[in-house]
């Protein structure tokens, strides 16, 4: 029984991604977010580290995220609209949009649109990506308490970095 308890508690802090037959988790603590090719420190008003071998330095302000991923500029507007977090702008030198609400997660990033509906309000989202073939299993993203407690700017940044 002790093993099951340990597994359950470790899942509590995992951002879980199941995308086009690829599955990975990011472990989120008060100090950092880590996973395969993902090592980011959570500093006051800042995310700093490496993602996919690129250095990441993002300044998180009330309604903006600015900084760099490798040599690409990040300039993102982030706002809370009712229960939804909305982000729009440039991320890694490309246009992005993101809406995260208890009902849905919609993201346009890297020429791909994710249209995910909540299976569990505000925690588990599932749906298709525009860049997948018809027979590709649905994308599923699970968000832990630590993620939900983060600022809107940090939530948007972490999702865009992971996707």
C-alpha atoms as a PDB file:
ATOM      1  CA  UNK A   1       0.000   0.000   0.000  1.00  0.00           C
ATOM      2  CA  UNK A   2       2.915   2.331   0.722  1.00  0.00           C
ATOM      3  CA  UNK A   3       4.100   2.175  -2.900  1.00  0.00           C
ATOM      4  CA  UNK A   4       0.665   3.159  -4.240  1.00  0.00           C
ATOM      5  CA  UNK A   5       0.593   6.141  -1.888  1.00  0.00           C
ATOM      6  CA  UNK A   6       4.000   7.300  -3.064  1.00  0.00           C
ATOM      7  CA  UNK A   7       2.978   7.070  -6.715  1.00  0.00           C
ATOM      8  CA  UNK A   8      -0.254   8.967  -6.080  1.00  0.00           C
ATOM      9  CA  UNK A   9       1.531  11.813  -4.293  1.00  0.00           C
ATOM     10  CA  UNK A  10       4.162  12.117  -7.027  1.00  0.00           C
ATOM     11  CA  UNK A  11       1.426  12.418  -9.670  1.00  0.00           C
ATOM     12  CA  UNK A  12       0.017  15.383  -7.738  1.00  0.00           C
ATOM     13  CA  UNK A  13       2.881  17.628  -8.881  1.00  0.00           C
ATOM     14  CA  UNK A  14       3.158  16.349 -12.467  1.00  0.00           C
ATOM     15  CA  UNK A  15       2.122  18.205 -15.573  1.00  0.00           C
ATOM     16  CA  UNK A  16       1.273  15.258 -17.791  1.00  0.00           C
ATOM     17  CA  UNK A  17       1.290  15.433 -21.600  1.00  0.00           C
ATOM     18  CA  UNK A  18       0.082  12.674 -23.919  1.00  0.00           C
ATOM     19  CA  UNK A  19       0.466  14.036 -27.454  1.00  0.00           C
ATOM     20  CA  UNK A  20       0.412  12.038 -30.698  1.00  0.00           C
ATOM     21  CA  UNK A  21       1.625   8.789 -29.116  1.00  0.00           C
ATOM     22  CA  UNK A  22       4.302  10.652 -27.130  1.00  0.00           C
ATOM     23  CA  UNK A  23       3.918  10.807 -23.367  1.00  0.00           C
ATOM     24  CA  UNK A  24       5.994  12.913 -20.963  1.00  0.00           C
ATOM     25  CA  UNK A  25       5.668  14.454 -17.525  1.00  0.00           C
ATOM     26  CA  UNK A  26       7.085  17.627 -16.060  1.00  0.00           C
ATOM     27  CA  UNK A  27       7.581  17.628 -12.284  1.00  0.00           C
ATOM     28  CA  UNK A  28       6.649  20.958 -10.740  1.00  0.00           C
ATOM     29  CA  UNK A  29       7.934  22.037  -7.325  1.00  0.00           C
ATOM     30  CA  UNK A  30       8.050  25.417  -5.603  1.00  0.00           C
ATOM     31  CA  UNK A  31      11.566  25.926  -7.031  1.00  0.00           C
ATOM     32  CA  UNK A  32      11.582  24.347 -10.491  1.00  0.00           C
ATOM     33  CA  UNK A  33       9.927  22.444 -13.322  1.00  0.00           C
ATOM     34  CA  UNK A  34      11.877  19.450 -14.613  1.00  0.00           C
ATOM     35  CA  UNK A  35      11.430  16.696 -17.158  1.00  0.00           C
ATOM     36  CA  UNK A  36      13.005  15.257 -20.297  1.00  0.00           C
ATOM     37  CA  UNK A  37      14.873  18.146 -21.980  1.00  0.00           C
ATOM     38  CA  UNK A  38      13.167  20.559 -19.539  1.00  0.00           C
ATOM     39  CA  UNK A  39      15.045  22.164 -16.607  1.00  0.00           C
ATOM     40  CA  UNK A  40      13.536  25.493 -15.560  1.00  0.00           C
ATOM     41  CA  UNK A  41      13.974  27.313 -12.243  1.00  0.00           C
ATOM     42  CA  UNK A  42      10.969  29.173 -10.829  1.00  0.00           C
ATOM     43  CA  UNK A  43      12.394  32.418  -9.434  1.00  0.00           C
ATOM     44  CA  UNK A  44      10.382  35.416  -8.216  1.00  0.00           C
ATOM     45  CA  UNK A  45       9.018  37.017 -11.419  1.00  0.00           C
ATOM     46  CA  UNK A  46      11.197  34.851 -13.641  1.00  0.00           C
ATOM     47  CA  UNK A  47      11.605  31.467 -15.314  1.00  0.00           C
ATOM     48  CA  UNK A  48      15.195  30.552 -16.135  1.00  0.00           C
ATOM     49  CA  UNK A  49      16.859  27.388 -17.408  1.00  0.00           C
ATOM     50  CA  UNK A  50      17.011  25.158 -20.491  1.00  0.00           C
ATOM     51  CA  UNK A  51      14.341  23.596 -22.694  1.00  0.00           C
ATOM     52  CA  UNK A  52      15.332  21.298 -25.582  1.00  0.00           C
ATOM     53  CA  UNK A  53      18.966  22.499 -25.288  1.00  0.00           C
ATOM     54  CA  UNK A  54      17.986  26.186 -25.610  1.00  0.00           C
ATOM     55  CA  UNK A  55      18.625  28.665 -22.788  1.00  0.00           C
ATOM     56  CA  UNK A  56      15.396  30.183 -21.431  1.00  0.00           C
ATOM     57  CA  UNK A  57      15.127  33.526 -19.632  1.00  0.00           C
ATOM     58  CA  UNK A  58      11.589  34.841 -19.188  1.00  0.00           C
ATOM     59  CA  UNK A  59      10.515  37.796 -17.061  1.00  0.00           C
ATOM     60  CA  UNK A  60       6.968  37.328 -15.732  1.00  0.00           C
ATOM     61  CA  UNK A  61       5.136  40.600 -15.183  1.00  0.00           C
ATOM     62  CA  UNK A  62       1.482  41.228 -14.332  1.00  0.00           C
ATOM     63  CA  UNK A  63       0.209  41.085 -17.898  1.00  0.00           C
ATOM     64  CA  UNK A  64       3.381  40.433 -19.905  1.00  0.00           C
ATOM     65  CA  UNK A  65       6.054  37.823 -20.447  1.00  0.00           C
ATOM     66  CA  UNK A  66       9.292  39.078 -22.004  1.00  0.00           C
ATOM     67  CA  UNK A  67      12.628  37.474 -22.592  1.00  0.00           C
ATOM     68  CA  UNK A  68      14.428  34.974 -24.789  1.00  0.00           C
ATOM     69  CA  UNK A  69      14.407  31.314 -25.715  1.00  0.00           C
ATOM     70  CA  UNK A  70      17.762  30.731 -27.356  1.00  0.00           C
ATOM     71  CA  UNK A  71      18.179  33.696 -29.717  1.00  0.00           C
ATOM     72  CA  UNK A  72      14.399  34.063 -30.246  1.00  0.00           C
ATOM     73  CA  UNK A  73      12.459  36.840 -28.544  1.00  0.00           C
ATOM     74  CA  UNK A  74       9.405  36.322 -26.345  1.00  0.00           C
ATOM     75  CA  UNK A  75       6.859  39.131 -26.103  1.00  0.00           C
ATOM     76  CA  UNK A  76       3.569  37.819 -24.766  1.00  0.00           C
ATOM     77  CA  UNK A  77       0.500  39.637 -23.452  1.00  0.00           C
ATOM     78  CA  UNK A  78      -1.243  37.642 -20.708  1.00  0.00           C
ATOM     79  CA  UNK A  79      -4.485  38.526 -18.981  1.00  0.00           C
ATOM     80  CA  UNK A  80      -7.095  36.956 -16.760  1.00  0.00           C
ATOM     81  CA  UNK A  81     -10.559  37.195 -18.334  1.00  0.00           C
ATOM     82  CA  UNK A  82     -13.064  35.913 -15.767  1.00  0.00           C
ATOM     83  CA  UNK A  83     -11.892  32.345 -15.008  1.00  0.00           C
ATOM     84  CA  UNK A  84      -9.825  32.143 -18.200  1.00  0.00           C
ATOM     85  CA  UNK A  85      -6.136  32.874 -18.727  1.00  0.00           C
ATOM     86  CA  UNK A  86      -5.567  34.356 -22.187  1.00  0.00           C
ATOM     87  CA  UNK A  87      -2.201  34.873 -23.851  1.00  0.00           C
ATOM     88  CA  UNK A  88      -1.306  36.280 -27.242  1.00  0.00           C
ATOM     89  CA  UNK A  89       1.862  37.479 -28.906  1.00  0.00           C
ATOM     90  CA  UNK A  90       5.270  36.227 -29.980  1.00  0.00           C
ATOM     91  CA  UNK A  91       6.835  33.162 -28.413  1.00  0.00           C
ATOM     92  CA  UNK A  92      10.139  31.753 -29.635  1.00  0.00           C
ATOM     93  CA  UNK A  93       9.888  34.060 -32.647  1.00  0.00           C
ATOM     94  CA  UNK A  94       6.474  32.709 -33.755  1.00  0.00           C
ATOM     95  CA  UNK A  95       2.884  33.891 -33.172  1.00  0.00           C
ATOM     96  CA  UNK A  96       0.978  32.109 -30.395  1.00  0.00           C
ATOM     97  CA  UNK A  97      -2.429  32.263 -28.717  1.00  0.00           C
ATOM     98  CA  UNK A  98      -3.594  30.438 -25.608  1.00  0.00           C
ATOM     99  CA  UNK A  99      -6.872  30.230 -23.689  1.00  0.00           C
ATOM    100  CA  UNK A 100      -6.992  28.171 -20.499  1.00  0.00           C
ATOM    101  CA  UNK A 101     -10.338  28.000 -18.702  1.00  0.00           C
ATOM    102  CA  UNK A 102     -12.044  25.400 -16.492  1.00  0.00           C
ATOM    103  CA  UNK A 103     -13.947  24.251 -19.621  1.00  0.00           C
ATOM    104  CA  UNK A 104     -11.275  24.236 -22.338  1.00  0.00           C
ATOM    105  CA  UNK A 105      -7.633  24.617 -23.323  1.00  0.00           C
ATOM    106  CA  UNK A 106      -7.069  26.103 -26.773  1.00  0.00           C
ATOM    107  CA  UNK A 107      -3.515  26.750 -27.932  1.00  0.00           C
ATOM    108  CA  UNK A 108      -1.990  27.795 -31.246  1.00  0.00           C
ATOM    109  CA  UNK A 109       1.752  27.166 -31.169  1.00  0.00           C
ATOM    110  CA  UNK A 110       4.302  25.973 -33.778  1.00  0.00           C
ATOM    111  CA  UNK A 111       1.688  25.992 -36.589  1.00  0.00           C
ATOM    112  CA  UNK A 112      -0.551  23.606 -34.638  1.00  0.00           C
ATOM    113  CA  UNK A 113      -3.891  24.290 -32.935  1.00  0.00           C
ATOM    114  CA  UNK A 114      -4.865  22.307 -29.844  1.00  0.00           C
ATOM    115  CA  UNK A 115      -8.624  22.267 -29.130  1.00  0.00           C
ATOM    116  CA  UNK A 116      -9.011  20.435 -25.840  1.00  0.00           C
ATOM    117  CA  UNK A 117     -12.164  20.170 -23.728  1.00  0.00           C
ATOM    118  CA  UNK A 118     -12.102  19.647 -19.969  1.00  0.00           C
ATOM    119  CA  UNK A 119     -12.665  16.054 -18.848  1.00  0.00           C
ATOM    120  CA  UNK A 120     -12.118  17.210 -15.271  1.00  0.00           C
ATOM    121  CA  UNK A 121     -12.791  20.946 -14.897  1.00  0.00           C
ATOM    122  CA  UNK A 122      -9.549  22.921 -14.826  1.00  0.00           C
ATOM    123  CA  UNK A 123      -7.352  19.804 -14.452  1.00  0.00           C
ATOM    124  CA  UNK A 124      -7.600  17.312 -17.323  1.00  0.00           C
ATOM    125  CA  UNK A 125      -8.097  18.347 -20.945  1.00  0.00           C
ATOM    126  CA  UNK A 126      -8.549  16.111 -23.978  1.00  0.00           C
ATOM    127  CA  UNK A 127      -9.051  16.671 -27.692  1.00  0.00           C
ATOM    128  CA  UNK A 128      -7.428  16.811 -31.114  1.00  0.00           C
ATOM    129  CA  UNK A 129      -4.589  18.829 -32.615  1.00  0.00           C
ATOM    130  CA  UNK A 130      -4.952  20.335 -36.077  1.00  0.00           C
ATOM    131  CA  UNK A 131      -1.563  18.956 -37.141  1.00  0.00           C
ATOM    132  CA  UNK A 132      -2.381  15.289 -36.373  1.00  0.00           C
ATOM    133  CA  UNK A 133      -3.679  12.647 -38.772  1.00  0.00           C
ATOM    134  CA  UNK A 134      -7.228  11.381 -38.338  1.00  0.00           C
ATOM    135  CA  UNK A 135      -6.182   8.147 -36.595  1.00  0.00           C
ATOM    136  CA  UNK A 136      -3.899   9.819 -34.044  1.00  0.00           C
ATOM    137  CA  UNK A 137      -5.125   9.273 -30.476  1.00  0.00           C
ATOM    138  CA  UNK A 138      -6.455  12.388 -28.731  1.00  0.00           C
ATOM    139  CA  UNK A 139      -4.079  14.716 -26.916  1.00  0.00           C
ATOM    140  CA  UNK A 140      -4.457  14.725 -23.135  1.00  0.00           C
ATOM    141  CA  UNK A 141      -2.956  17.285 -20.763  1.00  0.00           C
ATOM    142  CA  UNK A 142      -3.216  17.056 -16.959  1.00  0.00           C
ATOM    143  CA  UNK A 143      -2.468  20.048 -14.731  1.00  0.00           C
ATOM    144  CA  UNK A 144      -1.461  19.685 -11.039  1.00  0.00           C
ATOM    145  CA  UNK A 145      -2.287  21.952  -8.082  1.00  0.00           C
ATOM    146  CA  UNK A 146       1.161  23.600  -8.233  1.00  0.00           C
ATOM    147  CA  UNK A 147       0.442  24.672 -11.822  1.00  0.00           C
ATOM    148  CA  UNK A 148      -3.052  25.952 -10.971  1.00  0.00           C
ATOM    149  CA  UNK A 149      -1.567  28.016  -8.105  1.00  0.00           C
ATOM    150  CA  UNK A 150       0.966  29.720 -10.429  1.00  0.00           C
ATOM    151  CA  UNK A 151       0.418  33.184 -11.908  1.00  0.00           C
ATOM    152  CA  UNK A 152      -1.352  33.484 -15.298  1.00  0.00           C
ATOM    153  CA  UNK A 153       1.954  34.598 -16.886  1.00  0.00           C
ATOM    154  CA  UNK A 154       3.750  31.524 -15.518  1.00  0.00           C
ATOM    155  CA  UNK A 155       0.924  29.163 -16.542  1.00  0.00           C
ATOM    156  CA  UNK A 156       0.958  30.471 -20.127  1.00  0.00           C
ATOM    157  CA  UNK A 157       4.769  30.349 -20.322  1.00  0.00           C
ATOM    158  CA  UNK A 158       5.039  26.776 -19.026  1.00  0.00           C
ATOM    159  CA  UNK A 159       2.352  25.432 -21.355  1.00  0.00           C
ATOM    160  CA  UNK A 160       3.890  27.144 -24.391  1.00  0.00           C
ATOM    161  CA  UNK A 161       7.380  25.898 -23.452  1.00  0.00           C
ATOM    162  CA  UNK A 162       6.105  22.321 -23.048  1.00  0.00           C
ATOM    163  CA  UNK A 163       4.117  22.246 -26.283  1.00  0.00           C
END
